[in-house]
Amino acid sequence: MLEIKQIHQPTYSVVALSGRLDAVTASELDAALQETENSKQNSVILDMAGVDYVSSAGLRSMLGCTKRQAAKKKKLVICNLTAPVMDIIHMAGFHQIFTLAPSLDVAQTLV
């Protein structure tokens, strides 16, 4: 199960996640991210403090958002990664693609 909360600011939107980001829940994240991207046209901060697992489907959702944001000259910044999720991102080599931040405060300065 994945819980998704959205907070909209004037120049960015925060999408906070809690739970597992896997093949079952990745479509929920896709829908939430696309809704946020389309309604606000802002950069997106993905706060993953409550996520303890990410599958390849979850990584694909995050990569898709990164590409869509770049096409609009906006950003996706991913913050508050737990150690297990950070390990998965590093093993997949996605740390070279994603903009990562240690905290929400730092992420806000990067958007």
Protein backbone atom coordinates (compact mmCIF):
# COMPACT_ATOMS: atom_id res chain seq x y z
CA MET A 1 0.00 0.00 0.00
CA LEU A 2 1.21 3.50 -0.84
CA GLU A 3 -0.04 6.68 0.77
CA ILE A 4 0.35 9.84 -1.32
CA LYS A 5 -0.04 13.40 -0.02
CA GLN A 6 0.32 16.49 -2.18
CA ILE A 7 1.18 20.00 -1.03
CA HIS A 8 1.21 22.79 -3.60
CA GLN A 9 3.38 25.87 -3.24
CA PRO A 10 3.64 28.78 -5.70
CA THR A 11 6.73 27.45 -7.53
CA TYR A 12 6.81 23.75 -6.64
CA SER A 13 4.65 20.90 -5.45
CA VAL A 14 5.61 18.34 -2.81
CA VAL A 15 4.43 14.77 -3.29
CA ALA A 16 5.03 12.90 -0.02
CA LEU A 17 5.00 9.11 -0.08
CA SER A 18 4.63 6.50 2.62
CA GLY A 19 4.68 2.73 2.11
CA ARG A 20 6.04 0.49 -0.64
CA LEU A 21 6.61 1.71 -4.17
CA ASP A 22 6.30 -1.47 -6.21
CA ALA A 23 4.63 -2.85 -9.33
CA VAL A 24 1.20 -2.61 -7.70
CA THR A 25 1.52 0.96 -6.42
CA ALA A 26 3.67 2.51 -9.17
CA SER A 27 0.58 3.29 -11.24
CA GLU A 28 -0.84 5.25 -8.29
CA LEU A 29 2.35 7.31 -8.17
CA ASP A 30 2.27 7.82 -11.95
CA ALA A 31 -1.27 9.17 -11.75
CA ALA A 32 -0.47 11.47 -8.81
CA LEU A 33 2.68 12.83 -10.44
CA GLN A 34 0.99 13.46 -13.78
CA GLU A 35 -1.94 15.17 -12.06
CA THR A 36 0.47 17.38 -10.13
CA GLU A 37 2.56 18.16 -13.21
CA ASN A 38 -0.48 19.00 -15.33
CA SER A 39 -2.41 21.07 -12.79
CA LYS A 40 0.38 23.21 -11.39
CA GLN A 41 3.11 23.26 -14.06
CA ASN A 42 5.63 23.50 -11.22
CA SER A 43 8.75 21.64 -10.33
CA VAL A 44 8.09 18.59 -8.15
CA ILE A 45 9.70 17.48 -4.91
CA LEU A 46 9.21 13.80 -4.18
CA ASP A 47 9.51 13.32 -0.41
CA MET A 48 10.24 9.64 0.18
CA ALA A 49 10.80 9.70 3.95
CA GLY A 50 8.14 7.04 4.49
CA VAL A 51 9.19 4.70 1.68
CA ASP A 52 11.10 1.58 2.67
CA TYR A 53 11.14 -0.24 -0.69
CA VAL A 54 11.24 0.73 -4.38
CA SER A 55 10.96 -1.77 -7.24
CA SER A 56 11.99 -1.28 -10.85
CA ALA A 57 8.42 -0.15 -11.58
CA GLY A 58 8.78 2.57 -8.97
CA LEU A 59 12.10 3.66 -10.43
CA ARG A 60 10.46 3.79 -13.86
CA SER A 61 7.74 6.12 -12.50
CA MET A 62 10.35 8.42 -11.01
CA LEU A 63 12.39 8.38 -14.23
CA GLY A 64 9.31 9.20 -16.31
CA CYS A 65 8.59 12.22 -14.13
CA THR A 66 12.22 13.34 -14.38
CA LYS A 67 12.01 13.24 -18.19
CA ARG A 68 8.65 15.03 -18.35
CA GLN A 69 9.88 17.75 -16.00
CA ALA A 70 13.11 18.24 -17.98
CA ALA A 71 11.10 18.63 -21.19
CA LYS A 72 9.26 21.54 -19.51
CA LYS A 73 12.49 23.03 -18.11
CA LYS A 74 11.34 22.06 -14.60
CA LYS A 75 12.82 19.66 -12.07
CA LEU A 76 12.02 16.59 -10.06
CA VAL A 77 13.99 16.60 -6.80
CA ILE A 78 13.84 13.45 -4.67
CA CYS A 79 14.48 13.88 -0.96
CA ASN A 80 14.53 12.10 2.39
CA LEU A 81 15.57 8.75 0.97
CA THR A 82 15.76 5.92 3.49
CA ALA A 83 18.94 3.83 3.48
CA PRO A 84 17.35 0.82 1.73
CA VAL A 85 15.88 3.02 -1.02
CA MET A 86 19.15 4.92 -1.45
CA ASP A 87 20.93 1.58 -1.87
CA ILE A 88 18.47 0.53 -4.59
CA ILE A 89 18.89 3.83 -6.44
CA HIS A 90 22.67 3.54 -6.26
CA MET A 91 22.72 -0.09 -7.39
CA ALA A 92 20.55 0.83 -10.38
CA GLY A 93 22.85 3.75 -11.19
CA PHE A 94 19.96 6.21 -11.00
CA HIS A 95 21.82 8.45 -8.55
CA GLN A 96 23.54 9.81 -11.66
CA ILE A 97 20.19 10.68 -13.26
CA PHE A 98 18.03 11.88 -10.36
CA THR A 99 18.49 15.11 -8.43
CA LEU A 100 18.71 13.89 -4.82
CA ALA A 101 18.52 15.93 -1.62
CA PRO A 102 19.05 14.84 1.98
CA SER A 103 16.05 16.82 3.27
CA LEU A 104 12.97 18.75 2.21
CA ASP A 105 14.69 22.01 3.15
CA VAL A 106 17.58 21.29 0.81
CA ALA A 107 15.21 20.08 -1.93
CA GLN A 108 13.34 23.40 -1.79
CA THR A 109 16.56 25.23 -2.64
CA LEU A 110 17.15 23.02 -5.70
CA VAL A 111 13.84 23.55 -7.51
